[in-house]
Structure formats: structure tokens, C-alpha cells
Amino acid sequence: MAGSSITCLLLLFLLFGLSASSKEILIGGKVDAWKIPSSSSDFLNQWAERSRFQVGDRLVWKYEGGKDSVLRVGREDYANCSTSNPIKEYNDGNTKVKLDHPGPFYFISGAKGHCEKGQKLIVMVITPRGTNTGISIAPSPAPSQNFESGQAPSPTSIATSLQSCGFLILAVFVAMWVF
């Protein structure tokens, strides 16, 4: 019984530890970064290349709502500065976008002519360490002895421990996803 409680606590700690690593990131590192660049430099993409974005992070744009907007678009619409078919459109002046999967995210300004003048951004999101990447790795061999009893734990006792706290873990995971 004590083993299942410890297993539950360890799994909850792991879940909370992973969620604590997500953060809010101000675009360009400053409040007024979402604008037409003052020179031909690709400031926002240079900033993004130096930054690290992980699944669960939130990007934050600060801009004058009503005069500008942020469009999440596909790769081709990014390259062509096409505003006609965005994946998502934001225009509130304080936009927050959760990075919910690994890979590239493409953003352009929705204001006429701004993207063509360089107001656009690509963010590459990495998978946090320790999460499933689809790569199969052989498990480590089980320890030869349990320190308390002198016997190796059986797979069914581990499964029973996980089942006993499964609902709690599921509830915490759903709560983290919603918030």
C-alpha cells in the first residue's frame, strides 16, 4: 500500500515538474517588437533562432489592437505573405499563443503590407526532454532486488500501483492541459 502512495506522489511530482517548465515568452524580448522592422534586418527571426521554445510555452505579443494583428499561418502563406486563409487570427493587442506541439509555427502581421516589409516570424518548437518523441528505446533491466523485501517487484504489482492512482494522474493531466 505504501508503495502505491509513493508511486502516485512520484508521478504527480513528475507531471507538475514538466508543467512548471513552460513559460510565457514576450515576442522579440520587448513590448514593441511586433512592428515593421526599421531596417532590412530580420530581427524577429534572428531573435527566435537564439531562443528556445518548448511545447507548453506561450508566446506573447504586445501591439496596438485594431491597427495590427497576428496571424498564425501555414508555411506557404508565410512565404507568400498571404493573409486570406489563416489558421488562427488574433487582434486584441495582447495576444497569447500556446505552443501545443513540436515543429515550426509561422506568424505574419495581418495589417496590409506589413508582412511584405518583414513583419513575420518563424518559431521552432522542440519537444521537452523526457517526453515521448516516437523513438522506441529498450527499457533498462529491472533491479535484481527490492531493497525492502529482497525480491524484485513483479510487473503486476507495479501495474496495480499505477492503476490505483491513475484517476488522480489523469485529472491532474487534464487540469494542466486546460490551464
N, C-alpha and C. Protein backbone atom coordinates (compact mmCIF):
# COMPACT_ATOMS: atom_id res chain seq x y z
N MET A 1 0.82 -1.20 0.00
CA MET A 1 0.00 0.00 0.00
C MET A 1 0.86 1.26 0.00
N ALA A 2 1.91 1.27 0.84
CA ALA A 2 2.79 2.43 0.89
C ALA A 2 3.49 2.63 -0.44
N GLY A 3 3.80 1.52 -1.11
CA GLY A 3 4.46 1.61 -2.41
C GLY A 3 3.60 2.32 -3.43
N SER A 4 2.28 2.06 -3.43
CA SER A 4 1.41 2.71 -4.40
C SER A 4 1.29 4.19 -4.10
N SER A 5 1.28 4.58 -2.84
CA SER A 5 1.23 6.00 -2.48
C SER A 5 2.49 6.72 -2.94
N ILE A 6 3.62 6.07 -2.75
CA ILE A 6 4.88 6.68 -3.18
C ILE A 6 4.92 6.79 -4.70
N THR A 7 4.43 5.77 -5.40
CA THR A 7 4.39 5.81 -6.86
C THR A 7 3.52 6.97 -7.32
N CYS A 8 2.35 7.13 -6.69
CA CYS A 8 1.45 8.24 -7.05
C CYS A 8 2.13 9.58 -6.84
N LEU A 9 2.78 9.75 -5.71
CA LEU A 9 3.45 11.02 -5.42
C LEU A 9 4.56 11.30 -6.42
N LEU A 10 5.34 10.27 -6.75
CA LEU A 10 6.41 10.47 -7.72
C LEU A 10 5.87 10.85 -9.09
N LEU A 11 4.81 10.21 -9.53
CA LEU A 11 4.23 10.52 -10.83
C LEU A 11 3.62 11.93 -10.85
N LEU A 12 2.97 12.33 -9.75
CA LEU A 12 2.42 13.68 -9.67
C LEU A 12 3.54 14.72 -9.69
N PHE A 13 4.62 14.45 -8.97
CA PHE A 13 5.76 15.35 -8.95
C PHE A 13 6.32 15.50 -10.36
N LEU A 14 6.43 14.41 -11.08
CA LEU A 14 6.92 14.45 -12.44
C LEU A 14 6.01 15.30 -13.32
N LEU A 15 4.70 15.10 -13.21
CA LEU A 15 3.76 15.87 -14.02
C LEU A 15 3.85 17.36 -13.69
N PHE A 16 3.88 17.72 -12.42
CA PHE A 16 3.97 19.12 -12.05
C PHE A 16 5.31 19.71 -12.46
N GLY A 17 6.36 18.92 -12.37
CA GLY A 17 7.68 19.39 -12.78
C GLY A 17 7.73 19.71 -14.26
N LEU A 18 7.09 18.88 -15.07
CA LEU A 18 7.07 19.14 -16.51
C LEU A 18 6.25 20.38 -16.84
N SER A 19 5.12 20.58 -16.13
CA SER A 19 4.28 21.73 -16.43
C SER A 19 4.93 23.02 -15.95
N ALA A 20 5.74 22.95 -14.90
CA ALA A 20 6.38 24.14 -14.37
C ALA A 20 7.44 24.67 -15.32
N SER A 21 7.91 23.84 -16.25
CA SER A 21 8.96 24.29 -17.15
C SER A 21 8.42 25.17 -18.27
N SER A 22 7.11 25.18 -18.50
CA SER A 22 6.57 26.04 -19.55
C SER A 22 6.59 27.49 -19.07
N LYS A 23 6.70 28.41 -20.04
CA LYS A 23 6.81 29.81 -19.67
C LYS A 23 6.15 30.69 -20.70
N GLU A 24 5.93 31.96 -20.33
CA GLU A 24 5.44 32.96 -21.27
C GLU A 24 6.65 33.71 -21.82
N ILE A 25 6.68 33.87 -23.14
CA ILE A 25 7.82 34.49 -23.80
C ILE A 25 7.32 35.69 -24.60
N LEU A 26 7.82 36.86 -24.27
CA LEU A 26 7.46 38.09 -24.97
C LEU A 26 8.18 38.11 -26.32
N ILE A 27 7.41 38.26 -27.38
CA ILE A 27 7.96 38.26 -28.74
C ILE A 27 9.03 39.35 -28.89
N GLY A 28 10.18 38.95 -29.39
CA GLY A 28 11.28 39.88 -29.59
C GLY A 28 11.96 40.31 -28.30
N GLY A 29 11.45 39.82 -27.17
CA GLY A 29 12.04 40.18 -25.89
C GLY A 29 11.67 41.57 -25.40
N LYS A 30 10.78 42.25 -26.09
CA LYS A 30 10.37 43.59 -25.67
C LYS A 30 8.95 43.89 -26.14
N VAL A 31 8.33 44.86 -25.51
CA VAL A 31 6.91 45.16 -25.73
C VAL A 31 6.62 45.60 -27.16
N ASP A 32 7.46 46.41 -27.77
CA ASP A 32 7.14 46.96 -29.09
C ASP A 32 7.81 46.23 -30.25
N ALA A 33 8.10 44.96 -30.10
CA ALA A 33 8.82 44.22 -31.14
C ALA A 33 7.94 43.84 -32.33
N TRP A 34 6.62 43.72 -32.14
CA TRP A 34 5.74 43.31 -33.25
C TRP A 34 5.37 44.54 -34.07
N LYS A 35 6.26 44.87 -35.00
CA LYS A 35 6.07 46.03 -35.88
C LYS A 35 6.91 45.82 -37.13
N ILE A 36 6.73 46.70 -38.11
CA ILE A 36 7.55 46.64 -39.32
C ILE A 36 8.99 46.94 -38.89
N PRO A 37 9.94 46.10 -39.28
CA PRO A 37 11.33 46.36 -38.91
C PRO A 37 11.83 47.70 -39.46
N SER A 38 12.65 48.39 -38.68
CA SER A 38 13.16 49.70 -39.10
C SER A 38 14.21 49.60 -40.20
N SER A 39 14.81 48.42 -40.35
CA SER A 39 15.78 48.21 -41.42
C SER A 39 15.45 46.90 -42.11
N SER A 40 16.29 46.50 -43.03
CA SER A 40 16.03 45.25 -43.74
C SER A 40 16.39 44.03 -42.91
N SER A 41 16.83 44.26 -41.67
CA SER A 41 17.21 43.12 -40.83
C SER A 41 15.98 42.27 -40.50
N ASP A 42 16.24 41.03 -40.30
CA ASP A 42 15.20 40.06 -39.96
C ASP A 42 15.21 39.86 -38.44
N PHE A 43 15.02 40.97 -37.70
CA PHE A 43 15.19 40.99 -36.25
C PHE A 43 14.41 39.88 -35.54
N LEU A 44 13.13 39.72 -35.85
CA LEU A 44 12.31 38.75 -35.11
C LEU A 44 12.78 37.32 -35.33
N ASN A 45 13.11 36.97 -36.55
CA ASN A 45 13.58 35.61 -36.80
C ASN A 45 14.99 35.38 -36.23
N GLN A 46 15.82 36.41 -36.21
CA GLN A 46 17.12 36.28 -35.57
C GLN A 46 16.94 36.05 -34.06
N TRP A 47 16.01 36.79 -33.47
CA TRP A 47 15.69 36.60 -32.04
C TRP A 47 15.18 35.18 -31.81
N ALA A 48 14.27 34.71 -32.66
CA ALA A 48 13.69 33.37 -32.49
C ALA A 48 14.75 32.28 -32.64
N GLU A 49 15.71 32.48 -33.52
CA GLU A 49 16.77 31.49 -33.70
C GLU A 49 17.66 31.38 -32.47
N ARG A 50 17.80 32.47 -31.72
CA ARG A 50 18.61 32.47 -30.50
C ARG A 50 17.83 31.99 -29.28
N SER A 51 16.53 31.85 -29.42
CA SER A 51 15.67 31.47 -28.30
C SER A 51 15.33 29.99 -28.35
N ARG A 52 14.87 29.46 -27.22
CA ARG A 52 14.47 28.06 -27.15
C ARG A 52 12.99 28.01 -26.77
N PHE A 53 12.20 27.38 -27.61
CA PHE A 53 10.76 27.26 -27.39
C PHE A 53 10.40 25.80 -27.20
N GLN A 54 9.61 25.52 -26.17
CA GLN A 54 9.22 24.15 -25.88
C GLN A 54 7.71 24.01 -25.91
N VAL A 55 7.27 22.79 -26.14
CA VAL A 55 5.84 22.50 -26.08
C VAL A 55 5.33 22.95 -24.72
N GLY A 56 4.22 23.69 -24.71
CA GLY A 56 3.63 24.20 -23.47
C GLY A 56 3.93 25.67 -23.23
N ASP A 57 4.98 26.21 -23.86
CA ASP A 57 5.28 27.63 -23.71
C ASP A 57 4.17 28.45 -24.37
N ARG A 58 4.05 29.70 -23.93
CA ARG A 58 3.10 30.64 -24.53
C ARG A 58 3.87 31.83 -25.08
N LEU A 59 3.62 32.14 -26.35
CA LEU A 59 4.19 33.34 -26.95
C LEU A 59 3.26 34.51 -26.65
N VAL A 60 3.83 35.68 -26.37
CA VAL A 60 3.04 36.86 -26.02
C VAL A 60 3.41 38.00 -26.95
N TRP A 61 2.42 38.55 -27.63
CA TRP A 61 2.59 39.71 -28.50
C TRP A 61 1.93 40.90 -27.83
N LYS A 62 2.61 42.03 -27.83
CA LYS A 62 2.05 43.30 -27.37
C LYS A 62 2.08 44.25 -28.56
N TYR A 63 0.92 44.78 -28.94
CA TYR A 63 0.82 45.67 -30.09
C TYR A 63 -0.47 46.45 -29.97
N GLU A 64 -0.66 47.42 -30.84
CA GLU A 64 -1.86 48.24 -30.80
C GLU A 64 -3.00 47.51 -31.50
N GLY A 65 -3.93 46.99 -30.70
CA GLY A 65 -5.09 46.28 -31.25
C GLY A 65 -5.91 47.20 -32.14
N GLY A 66 -6.48 46.64 -33.19
CA GLY A 66 -7.26 47.43 -34.13
C GLY A 66 -6.43 47.99 -35.27
N LYS A 67 -5.13 48.19 -35.04
CA LYS A 67 -4.25 48.69 -36.10
C LYS A 67 -3.35 47.58 -36.65
N ASP A 68 -3.21 46.53 -35.90
CA ASP A 68 -2.37 45.42 -36.33
C ASP A 68 -3.00 44.13 -35.83
N SER A 69 -2.43 43.01 -36.23
CA SER A 69 -2.91 41.72 -35.77
C SER A 69 -1.81 40.69 -35.95
N VAL A 70 -2.05 39.50 -35.41
CA VAL A 70 -1.13 38.38 -35.55
C VAL A 70 -1.91 37.26 -36.22
N LEU A 71 -1.37 36.73 -37.31
CA LEU A 71 -1.99 35.60 -37.98
C LEU A 71 -1.07 34.40 -37.88
N ARG A 72 -1.61 33.29 -37.42
CA ARG A 72 -0.87 32.04 -37.49
C ARG A 72 -1.23 31.43 -38.84
N VAL A 73 -0.21 31.13 -39.63
CA VAL A 73 -0.43 30.65 -41.00
C VAL A 73 0.42 29.42 -41.28
N GLY A 74 0.18 28.81 -42.40
CA GLY A 74 1.00 27.69 -42.87
C GLY A 74 2.27 28.20 -43.53
N ARG A 75 3.15 27.27 -43.86
CA ARG A 75 4.45 27.62 -44.44
C ARG A 75 4.33 28.41 -45.74
N GLU A 76 3.47 27.97 -46.64
CA GLU A 76 3.33 28.67 -47.92
C GLU A 76 2.74 30.06 -47.75
N ASP A 77 1.74 30.20 -46.88
CA ASP A 77 1.16 31.53 -46.64
C ASP A 77 2.19 32.45 -45.99
N TYR A 78 3.07 31.89 -45.16
CA TYR A 78 4.16 32.67 -44.58
C TYR A 78 5.09 33.18 -45.69
N ALA A 79 5.50 32.28 -46.56
CA ALA A 79 6.44 32.64 -47.64
C ALA A 79 5.83 33.66 -48.59
N ASN A 80 4.52 33.57 -48.83
CA ASN A 80 3.84 34.46 -49.78
C ASN A 80 3.18 35.65 -49.11
N CYS A 81 3.28 35.75 -47.79
CA CYS A 81 2.60 36.81 -47.02
C CYS A 81 1.10 36.84 -47.32
N SER A 82 0.52 35.66 -47.43
CA SER A 82 -0.91 35.56 -47.72
C SER A 82 -1.72 35.60 -46.43
N THR A 83 -2.61 36.57 -46.34
CA THR A 83 -3.46 36.74 -45.15
C THR A 83 -4.86 36.18 -45.34
N SER A 84 -5.13 35.57 -46.49
CA SER A 84 -6.51 35.16 -46.83
C SER A 84 -7.00 33.91 -46.11
N ASN A 85 -6.11 33.05 -45.65
CA ASN A 85 -6.57 31.79 -45.05
C ASN A 85 -5.76 31.42 -43.80
N PRO A 86 -5.81 32.27 -42.75
CA PRO A 86 -5.00 31.97 -41.57
C PRO A 86 -5.53 30.77 -40.80
N ILE A 87 -4.63 30.09 -40.11
CA ILE A 87 -5.03 29.02 -39.20
C ILE A 87 -5.77 29.63 -38.02
N LYS A 88 -5.27 30.76 -37.54
CA LYS A 88 -5.87 31.48 -36.42
C LYS A 88 -5.53 32.95 -36.55
N GLU A 89 -6.47 33.82 -36.17
CA GLU A 89 -6.26 35.26 -36.23
C GLU A 89 -6.44 35.87 -34.85
N TYR A 90 -5.54 36.77 -34.48
CA TYR A 90 -5.59 37.45 -33.19
C TYR A 90 -5.48 38.95 -33.45
N ASN A 91 -6.30 39.76 -32.76
CA ASN A 91 -6.22 41.21 -32.98
C ASN A 91 -6.51 42.02 -31.72
N ASP A 92 -6.29 41.42 -30.56
CA ASP A 92 -6.64 42.08 -29.30
C ASP A 92 -5.55 42.97 -28.72
N GLY A 93 -4.35 42.97 -29.29
CA GLY A 93 -3.26 43.80 -28.79
C GLY A 93 -2.45 43.14 -27.69
N ASN A 94 -2.96 42.08 -27.11
CA ASN A 94 -2.25 41.32 -26.07
C ASN A 94 -2.48 39.84 -26.36
N THR A 95 -1.86 39.36 -27.40
CA THR A 95 -2.10 38.01 -27.89
C THR A 95 -1.19 37.01 -27.19
N LYS A 96 -1.79 35.88 -26.79
CA LYS A 96 -1.03 34.78 -26.20
C LYS A 96 -1.37 33.52 -26.99
N VAL A 97 -0.32 32.84 -27.44
CA VAL A 97 -0.49 31.63 -28.22
C VAL A 97 0.28 30.50 -27.55
N LYS A 98 -0.44 29.43 -27.21
CA LYS A 98 0.20 28.27 -26.61
C LYS A 98 0.82 27.41 -27.70
N LEU A 99 2.07 27.05 -27.51
CA LEU A 99 2.77 26.18 -28.44
C LEU A 99 2.45 24.74 -28.04
N ASP A 100 1.52 24.13 -28.75
CA ASP A 100 0.95 22.86 -28.30
C ASP A 100 1.53 21.62 -28.98
N HIS A 101 2.51 21.80 -29.86
CA HIS A 101 3.15 20.64 -30.49
C HIS A 101 4.54 21.05 -30.99
N PRO A 102 5.43 20.07 -31.16
CA PRO A 102 6.75 20.40 -31.68
C PRO A 102 6.69 20.70 -33.16
N GLY A 103 7.71 21.43 -33.63
CA GLY A 103 7.80 21.77 -35.04
C GLY A 103 7.69 23.27 -35.25
N PRO A 104 7.62 23.68 -36.52
CA PRO A 104 7.58 25.12 -36.81
C PRO A 104 6.18 25.72 -36.65
N PHE A 105 6.14 26.95 -36.17
CA PHE A 105 4.93 27.77 -36.13
C PHE A 105 5.25 29.02 -36.95
N TYR A 106 4.33 29.41 -37.83
CA TYR A 106 4.54 30.55 -38.72
C TYR A 106 3.54 31.64 -38.37
N PHE A 107 4.05 32.88 -38.22
CA PHE A 107 3.20 34.02 -37.88
C PHE A 107 3.53 35.19 -38.80
N ILE A 108 2.47 35.91 -39.21
CA ILE A 108 2.65 37.12 -40.01
C ILE A 108 1.71 38.19 -39.46
N SER A 109 2.02 39.43 -39.80
CA SER A 109 1.12 40.52 -39.45
C SER A 109 -0.08 40.47 -40.39
N GLY A 110 -1.25 40.78 -39.84
CA GLY A 110 -2.45 40.83 -40.67
C GLY A 110 -2.69 42.20 -41.27
N ALA A 111 -1.91 43.21 -40.87
CA ALA A 111 -2.07 44.56 -41.41
C ALA A 111 -1.54 44.60 -42.84
N LYS A 112 -2.28 45.26 -43.71
CA LYS A 112 -1.94 45.29 -45.14
C LYS A 112 -0.52 45.81 -45.37
N GLY A 113 0.27 45.00 -46.07
CA GLY A 113 1.62 45.38 -46.45
C GLY A 113 2.69 45.17 -45.40
N HIS A 114 2.32 44.87 -44.15
CA HIS A 114 3.32 44.72 -43.09
C HIS A 114 4.18 43.47 -43.27
N CYS A 115 3.59 42.36 -43.63
CA CYS A 115 4.36 41.13 -43.81
C CYS A 115 5.40 41.32 -44.92
N GLU A 116 4.98 41.91 -46.01
CA GLU A 116 5.89 42.14 -47.14
C GLU A 116 7.09 43.01 -46.73
N LYS A 117 6.93 43.82 -45.69
CA LYS A 117 8.01 44.68 -45.21
C LYS A 117 8.80 44.03 -44.08
N GLY A 118 8.51 42.73 -43.82
CA GLY A 118 9.33 41.98 -42.86
C GLY A 118 8.71 41.69 -41.51
N GLN A 119 7.45 42.03 -41.32
CA GLN A 119 6.81 41.77 -40.02
C GLN A 119 6.23 40.35 -40.02
N LYS A 120 7.14 39.40 -39.78
CA LYS A 120 6.76 38.00 -39.74
C LYS A 120 7.76 37.22 -38.91
N LEU A 121 7.36 36.00 -38.51
CA LEU A 121 8.15 35.26 -37.54
C LEU A 121 7.95 33.76 -37.71
N ILE A 122 9.06 33.01 -37.63
CA ILE A 122 9.01 31.55 -37.56
C ILE A 122 9.55 31.15 -36.20
N VAL A 123 8.79 30.31 -35.50
CA VAL A 123 9.21 29.79 -34.20
C VAL A 123 9.33 28.27 -34.32
N MET A 124 10.49 27.74 -33.96
CA MET A 124 10.71 26.29 -33.98
C MET A 124 10.56 25.78 -32.55
N VAL A 125 9.60 24.88 -32.36
CA VAL A 125 9.29 24.34 -31.03
C VAL A 125 9.90 22.96 -30.89
N ILE A 126 10.61 22.77 -29.79
CA ILE A 126 11.23 21.48 -29.52
C ILE A 126 10.40 20.71 -28.51
N THR A 127 10.58 19.41 -28.50
CA THR A 127 9.91 18.55 -27.54
C THR A 127 10.72 18.59 -26.25
N PRO A 128 10.07 18.84 -25.11
CA PRO A 128 10.81 18.85 -23.85
C PRO A 128 11.49 17.51 -23.61
N ARG A 129 12.64 17.56 -22.97
CA ARG A 129 13.39 16.35 -22.64
C ARG A 129 12.53 15.44 -21.78
N GLY A 130 12.60 14.15 -22.07
CA GLY A 130 11.88 13.17 -21.26
C GLY A 130 10.47 12.88 -21.74
N THR A 131 10.05 13.48 -22.85
CA THR A 131 8.71 13.17 -23.36
C THR A 131 8.83 12.21 -24.52
N ASN A 132 7.73 11.60 -24.88
CA ASN A 132 7.72 10.61 -25.94
C ASN A 132 7.92 11.30 -27.28
N THR A 133 8.96 10.93 -27.99
CA THR A 133 9.24 11.50 -29.30
C THR A 133 8.93 10.53 -30.42
N GLY A 134 8.40 9.37 -30.08
CA GLY A 134 8.12 8.37 -31.08
C GLY A 134 9.28 7.43 -31.31
N ILE A 135 10.40 7.70 -30.67
CA ILE A 135 11.57 6.83 -30.80
C ILE A 135 11.48 5.77 -29.72
N SER A 136 11.60 4.55 -30.10
CA SER A 136 11.49 3.45 -29.15
C SER A 136 12.86 3.12 -28.58
N ILE A 137 12.94 3.12 -27.26
CA ILE A 137 14.18 2.81 -26.58
C ILE A 137 13.91 1.63 -25.66
N ALA A 138 14.81 0.66 -25.68
CA ALA A 138 14.63 -0.52 -24.82
C ALA A 138 14.68 -0.10 -23.36
N PRO A 139 13.79 -0.66 -22.52
CA PRO A 139 13.79 -0.30 -21.12
C PRO A 139 15.03 -0.83 -20.42
N SER A 140 15.39 -0.16 -19.33
CA SER A 140 16.51 -0.63 -18.51
C SER A 140 16.10 -1.92 -17.85
N PRO A 141 17.05 -2.80 -17.59
CA PRO A 141 16.71 -4.03 -16.90
C PRO A 141 16.20 -3.73 -15.49
N ALA A 142 15.27 -4.54 -15.03
CA ALA A 142 14.72 -4.36 -13.68
C ALA A 142 15.80 -4.62 -12.65
N PRO A 143 15.76 -3.90 -11.51
CA PRO A 143 16.74 -4.17 -10.47
C PRO A 143 16.57 -5.60 -9.98
N SER A 144 17.69 -6.19 -9.57
CA SER A 144 17.63 -7.59 -9.18
C SER A 144 16.96 -7.79 -7.83
N GLN A 145 16.90 -6.75 -7.02
CA GLN A 145 16.29 -6.92 -5.71
C GLN A 145 15.53 -5.68 -5.30
N ASN A 146 14.46 -5.89 -4.56
CA ASN A 146 13.74 -4.81 -3.91
C ASN A 146 14.44 -4.59 -2.57
N PHE A 147 14.82 -3.36 -2.24
CA PHE A 147 15.59 -3.11 -1.03
C PHE A 147 14.87 -3.52 0.24
N GLU A 148 13.54 -3.42 0.27
CA GLU A 148 12.80 -3.75 1.50
C GLU A 148 12.62 -5.25 1.68
N SER A 149 12.23 -5.95 0.63
CA SER A 149 11.86 -7.36 0.79
C SER A 149 12.93 -8.33 0.29
N GLY A 150 13.90 -7.83 -0.47
CA GLY A 150 14.90 -8.72 -1.02
C GLY A 150 14.44 -9.39 -2.30
N GLN A 151 13.23 -9.04 -2.81
CA GLN A 151 12.72 -9.63 -4.04
C GLN A 151 12.49 -8.53 -5.07
N ALA A 152 12.61 -8.92 -6.31
CA ALA A 152 12.31 -7.98 -7.39
C ALA A 152 10.81 -7.74 -7.44
N PRO A 153 10.38 -6.49 -7.71
CA PRO A 153 8.94 -6.25 -7.81
C PRO A 153 8.37 -6.92 -9.05
N SER A 154 7.17 -7.41 -8.92
CA SER A 154 6.54 -8.06 -10.07
C SER A 154 5.89 -7.01 -10.96
N PRO A 155 5.81 -7.27 -12.26
CA PRO A 155 5.16 -6.32 -13.16
C PRO A 155 3.71 -6.05 -12.77
N THR A 156 3.02 -7.05 -12.23
CA THR A 156 1.63 -6.84 -11.85
C THR A 156 1.52 -5.92 -10.64
N SER A 157 2.48 -5.96 -9.71
CA SER A 157 2.40 -5.06 -8.56
C SER A 157 2.64 -3.62 -8.99
N ILE A 158 3.51 -3.41 -9.98
CA ILE A 158 3.74 -2.06 -10.49
C ILE A 158 2.48 -1.58 -11.21
N ALA A 159 1.88 -2.45 -12.02
CA ALA A 159 0.66 -2.07 -12.74
C ALA A 159 -0.47 -1.75 -11.78
N THR A 160 -0.59 -2.52 -10.70
CA THR A 160 -1.63 -2.26 -9.70
C THR A 160 -1.40 -0.91 -9.04
N SER A 161 -0.15 -0.58 -8.74
CA SER A 161 0.17 0.72 -8.14
C SER A 161 -0.22 1.86 -9.07
N LEU A 162 0.09 1.70 -10.35
CA LEU A 162 -0.24 2.74 -11.31
C LEU A 162 -1.75 2.89 -11.48
N GLN A 163 -2.47 1.76 -11.49
CA GLN A 163 -3.92 1.82 -11.62
C GLN A 163 -4.55 2.51 -10.42
N SER A 164 -3.99 2.30 -9.23
CA SER A 164 -4.60 2.87 -8.04
C SER A 164 -4.54 4.40 -8.03
N CYS A 165 -3.58 4.98 -8.71
CA CYS A 165 -3.52 6.44 -8.73
C CYS A 165 -3.76 6.98 -10.14
N GLY A 166 -4.15 6.14 -11.06
CA GLY A 166 -4.37 6.55 -12.45
C GLY A 166 -5.38 7.66 -12.61
N PHE A 167 -6.50 7.59 -11.88
CA PHE A 167 -7.53 8.61 -11.99
C PHE A 167 -6.99 9.96 -11.54
N LEU A 168 -6.24 9.97 -10.45
CA LEU A 168 -5.66 11.20 -9.94
C LEU A 168 -4.69 11.80 -10.95
N ILE A 169 -3.86 10.96 -11.53
CA ILE A 169 -2.90 11.43 -12.52
C ILE A 169 -3.62 11.97 -13.74
N LEU A 170 -4.65 11.26 -14.19
CA LEU A 170 -5.42 11.71 -15.34
C LEU A 170 -6.07 13.07 -15.06
N ALA A 171 -6.64 13.24 -13.87
CA ALA A 171 -7.28 14.50 -13.51
C ALA A 171 -6.27 15.65 -13.50
N VAL A 172 -5.09 15.41 -12.98
CA VAL A 172 -4.05 16.44 -12.95
C VAL A 172 -3.61 16.78 -14.36
N PHE A 173 -3.43 15.77 -15.20
CA PHE A 173 -3.02 15.99 -16.59
C PHE A 173 -4.06 16.82 -17.33
N VAL A 174 -5.33 16.51 -17.18
CA VAL A 174 -6.40 17.25 -17.85
C VAL A 174 -6.42 18.70 -17.34
N ALA A 175 -6.26 18.89 -16.04
CA ALA A 175 -6.25 20.24 -15.47
C ALA A 175 -5.08 21.06 -16.04
N MET A 176 -3.92 20.42 -16.17
CA MET A 176 -2.75 21.13 -16.72
C MET A 176 -3.00 21.50 -18.18
N TRP A 177 -3.62 20.64 -18.94
CA TRP A 177 -3.89 20.87 -20.35
C TRP A 177 -4.85 22.05 -20.53
N VAL A 178 -5.88 22.11 -19.67
CA VAL A 178 -6.89 23.16 -19.77
C VAL A 178 -6.29 24.52 -19.41
N PHE A 179 -5.45 24.54 -18.40
CA PHE A 179 -4.90 25.81 -17.94
C PHE A 179 -3.57 26.04 -18.59
